[in-house]
Amino acid sequence: MLVIPVPFSKYHKEMLTHSKEMMEYNNGHMAINPSKHGKLITVLRTAMENGEGMLDKEATSHDDLFELPVSPTRI
């Protein structure tokens, strides 16, 4: 397995935008097992952008889990 570290400080806007597109357009491209990952679904449903292309952590439940689905979107 090849792991490539991605600095959120540099690519957070790009990753948030790409994640949003993957989940919203054409009925989404992500399948999540609700019985195993209920908190992750909550994160994705409550995620709010602050208007500057960044995650509004105060308005998002379990915001620390948001990095999980967003990380692989940096291509």
N, C-alpha and C. Protein backbone atom coordinates (compact mmCIF):
# COMPACT_ATOMS: atom_id res chain seq x y z
N MET A 1 0.85 -1.17 0.00
CA MET A 1 0.00 0.00 0.00
C MET A 1 0.89 1.23 0.00
N LEU A 2 0.54 2.20 -0.79
CA LEU A 2 1.26 3.46 -0.87
C LEU A 2 0.45 4.54 -0.16
N VAL A 3 1.04 5.17 0.82
CA VAL A 3 0.36 6.24 1.57
C VAL A 3 1.04 7.56 1.22
N ILE A 4 0.24 8.50 0.76
CA ILE A 4 0.76 9.82 0.41
C ILE A 4 0.12 10.83 1.36
N PRO A 5 0.90 11.45 2.22
CA PRO A 5 0.33 12.44 3.15
C PRO A 5 -0.17 13.67 2.40
N VAL A 6 -1.31 14.16 2.82
CA VAL A 6 -1.90 15.34 2.20
C VAL A 6 -2.08 16.40 3.28
N PRO A 7 -1.46 17.56 3.12
CA PRO A 7 -1.63 18.62 4.12
C PRO A 7 -2.99 19.31 3.98
N PHE A 8 -3.83 19.16 4.98
CA PHE A 8 -5.15 19.80 4.94
C PHE A 8 -5.03 21.31 4.85
N SER A 9 -3.99 21.87 5.46
CA SER A 9 -3.84 23.32 5.44
C SER A 9 -3.70 23.87 4.03
N LYS A 10 -3.20 23.06 3.12
CA LYS A 10 -2.98 23.50 1.74
C LYS A 10 -4.14 23.12 0.81
N TYR A 11 -4.75 21.96 1.02
CA TYR A 11 -5.72 21.43 0.06
C TYR A 11 -7.15 21.33 0.60
N HIS A 12 -7.45 21.90 1.77
CA HIS A 12 -8.76 21.70 2.37
C HIS A 12 -9.92 22.18 1.50
N LYS A 13 -9.78 23.31 0.83
CA LYS A 13 -10.88 23.82 0.00
C LYS A 13 -11.13 22.89 -1.18
N GLU A 14 -10.08 22.46 -1.83
CA GLU A 14 -10.20 21.56 -2.97
C GLU A 14 -10.83 20.23 -2.56
N MET A 15 -10.41 19.68 -1.42
CA MET A 15 -10.94 18.40 -0.97
C MET A 15 -12.40 18.52 -0.55
N LEU A 16 -12.77 19.62 0.10
CA LEU A 16 -14.17 19.82 0.50
C LEU A 16 -15.07 19.94 -0.73
N THR A 17 -14.62 20.69 -1.72
CA THR A 17 -15.40 20.85 -2.95
C THR A 17 -15.57 19.52 -3.67
N HIS A 18 -14.48 18.77 -3.80
CA HIS A 18 -14.55 17.49 -4.51
C HIS A 18 -15.43 16.50 -3.75
N SER A 19 -15.34 16.47 -2.43
CA SER A 19 -16.18 15.58 -1.63
C SER A 19 -17.65 15.91 -1.81
N LYS A 20 -17.96 17.18 -1.79
CA LYS A 20 -19.34 17.63 -1.96
C LYS A 20 -19.87 17.19 -3.33
N GLU A 21 -19.06 17.35 -4.36
CA GLU A 21 -19.48 16.94 -5.70
C GLU A 21 -19.70 15.43 -5.78
N MET A 22 -18.81 14.66 -5.15
CA MET A 22 -18.96 13.20 -5.18
C MET A 22 -20.24 12.74 -4.51
N MET A 23 -20.68 13.44 -3.47
CA MET A 23 -21.85 13.01 -2.71
C MET A 23 -23.15 13.58 -3.24
N GLU A 24 -23.11 14.70 -3.94
CA GLU A 24 -24.34 15.35 -4.37
C GLU A 24 -24.75 15.07 -5.80
N TYR A 25 -23.83 15.07 -6.73
CA TYR A 25 -24.17 14.99 -8.13
C TYR A 25 -24.36 13.55 -8.59
N ASN A 26 -25.31 13.36 -9.49
CA ASN A 26 -25.63 12.03 -10.04
C ASN A 26 -25.92 11.01 -8.95
N ASN A 27 -26.67 11.39 -7.95
CA ASN A 27 -27.06 10.51 -6.83
C ASN A 27 -25.87 10.05 -5.99
N GLY A 28 -24.77 10.71 -6.10
CA GLY A 28 -23.61 10.40 -5.25
C GLY A 28 -22.82 9.20 -5.72
N HIS A 29 -21.59 9.13 -5.22
CA HIS A 29 -20.69 8.04 -5.58
C HIS A 29 -20.10 7.39 -4.34
N MET A 30 -20.86 7.37 -3.25
CA MET A 30 -20.34 6.83 -2.01
C MET A 30 -21.43 6.00 -1.34
N ALA A 31 -21.06 4.82 -0.90
CA ALA A 31 -21.99 3.95 -0.16
C ALA A 31 -21.42 3.74 1.24
N ILE A 32 -22.27 3.96 2.25
CA ILE A 32 -21.84 3.85 3.64
C ILE A 32 -22.81 2.93 4.36
N ASN A 33 -22.29 1.94 5.07
CA ASN A 33 -23.11 1.02 5.85
C ASN A 33 -23.59 1.75 7.11
N PRO A 34 -24.90 2.06 7.21
CA PRO A 34 -25.40 2.83 8.34
C PRO A 34 -25.29 2.12 9.69
N SER A 35 -25.31 0.79 9.69
CA SER A 35 -25.23 0.09 10.96
C SER A 35 -23.81 0.11 11.54
N LYS A 36 -22.82 0.29 10.68
CA LYS A 36 -21.43 0.34 11.15
C LYS A 36 -20.88 1.75 11.27
N HIS A 37 -21.41 2.67 10.47
CA HIS A 37 -20.83 4.01 10.40
C HIS A 37 -21.89 5.11 10.55
N GLY A 38 -22.70 4.98 11.57
CA GLY A 38 -23.77 5.96 11.81
C GLY A 38 -23.25 7.36 12.06
N LYS A 39 -22.15 7.48 12.82
CA LYS A 39 -21.59 8.81 13.10
C LYS A 39 -21.07 9.47 11.83
N LEU A 40 -20.49 8.68 10.95
CA LEU A 40 -19.99 9.22 9.69
C LEU A 40 -21.13 9.79 8.86
N ILE A 41 -22.26 9.10 8.84
CA ILE A 41 -23.43 9.61 8.11
C ILE A 41 -23.92 10.91 8.74
N THR A 42 -23.90 10.98 10.07
CA THR A 42 -24.29 12.21 10.76
C THR A 42 -23.36 13.36 10.38
N VAL A 43 -22.07 13.08 10.33
CA VAL A 43 -21.08 14.09 9.94
C VAL A 43 -21.41 14.64 8.55
N LEU A 44 -21.65 13.74 7.62
CA LEU A 44 -21.89 14.16 6.24
C LEU A 44 -23.22 14.91 6.10
N ARG A 45 -24.21 14.54 6.88
CA ARG A 45 -25.50 15.23 6.81
C ARG A 45 -25.46 16.62 7.45
N THR A 46 -24.63 16.78 8.46
CA THR A 46 -24.59 18.06 9.18
C THR A 46 -23.45 18.98 8.74
N ALA A 47 -22.59 18.49 7.86
CA ALA A 47 -21.44 19.30 7.42
C ALA A 47 -21.91 20.59 6.76
N MET A 48 -21.32 21.69 7.20
CA MET A 48 -21.66 23.00 6.67
C MET A 48 -20.38 23.71 6.26
N GLU A 49 -20.46 24.40 5.14
CA GLU A 49 -19.34 25.20 4.68
C GLU A 49 -19.52 26.60 5.25
N ASN A 50 -18.42 27.26 5.59
CA ASN A 50 -18.52 28.58 6.22
C ASN A 50 -18.56 29.73 5.22
N GLY A 51 -18.67 29.45 3.94
CA GLY A 51 -18.72 30.50 2.93
C GLY A 51 -17.37 30.82 2.33
N GLU A 52 -16.32 30.31 2.92
CA GLU A 52 -14.96 30.53 2.42
C GLU A 52 -14.33 29.23 1.92
N GLY A 53 -15.16 28.21 1.69
CA GLY A 53 -14.65 26.93 1.22
C GLY A 53 -14.06 26.07 2.31
N MET A 54 -14.38 26.39 3.55
CA MET A 54 -13.85 25.63 4.68
C MET A 54 -15.01 25.05 5.49
N LEU A 55 -14.76 23.94 6.17
CA LEU A 55 -15.76 23.30 7.00
C LEU A 55 -16.04 24.15 8.23
N ASP A 56 -17.33 24.40 8.49
CA ASP A 56 -17.73 25.12 9.70
C ASP A 56 -17.81 24.09 10.82
N LYS A 57 -16.76 23.99 11.60
CA LYS A 57 -16.67 22.94 12.63
C LYS A 57 -17.67 23.14 13.75
N GLU A 58 -18.10 24.35 14.01
CA GLU A 58 -19.09 24.61 15.06
C GLU A 58 -20.47 24.10 14.67
N ALA A 59 -20.78 24.12 13.38
CA ALA A 59 -22.10 23.71 12.91
C ALA A 59 -22.15 22.24 12.51
N THR A 60 -21.02 21.56 12.54
CA THR A 60 -20.93 20.17 12.09
C THR A 60 -20.76 19.23 13.28
N SER A 61 -21.65 18.25 13.38
CA SER A 61 -21.54 17.25 14.45
C SER A 61 -20.39 16.30 14.13
N HIS A 62 -19.64 15.91 15.15
CA HIS A 62 -18.52 14.97 15.01
C HIS A 62 -17.55 15.42 13.92
N ASP A 63 -17.21 16.70 13.89
CA ASP A 63 -16.39 17.25 12.81
C ASP A 63 -15.02 16.57 12.67
N ASP A 64 -14.53 15.95 13.74
CA ASP A 64 -13.24 15.26 13.65
C ASP A 64 -13.29 14.05 12.71
N LEU A 65 -14.48 13.49 12.49
CA LEU A 65 -14.61 12.35 11.58
C LEU A 65 -14.72 12.77 10.12
N PHE A 66 -14.89 14.06 9.87
CA PHE A 66 -15.09 14.53 8.50
C PHE A 66 -13.86 14.29 7.63
N GLU A 67 -12.69 14.25 8.23
CA GLU A 67 -11.47 14.05 7.45
C GLU A 67 -11.42 12.68 6.80
N LEU A 68 -12.09 11.71 7.37
CA LEU A 68 -12.07 10.34 6.84
C LEU A 68 -12.55 10.26 5.39
N PRO A 69 -13.76 10.72 5.05
CA PRO A 69 -14.19 10.60 3.65
C PRO A 69 -13.57 11.65 2.74
N VAL A 70 -13.06 12.73 3.31
CA VAL A 70 -12.51 13.83 2.50
C VAL A 70 -11.08 13.54 2.05
N SER A 71 -10.30 12.88 2.87
CA SER A 71 -8.89 12.65 2.58
C SER A 71 -8.61 12.02 1.22
N PRO A 72 -9.32 10.97 0.84
CA PRO A 72 -8.99 10.34 -0.44
C PRO A 72 -9.41 11.13 -1.67
N THR A 73 -10.02 12.30 -1.50
CA THR A 73 -10.51 13.05 -2.65
C THR A 73 -9.46 13.93 -3.29
N ARG A 74 -8.29 13.99 -2.72
CA ARG A 74 -7.20 14.77 -3.32
C ARG A 74 -6.50 13.89 -4.35
N ILE A 75 -6.68 14.25 -5.62
CA ILE A 75 -6.12 13.43 -6.69
C ILE A 75 -5.03 14.21 -7.40
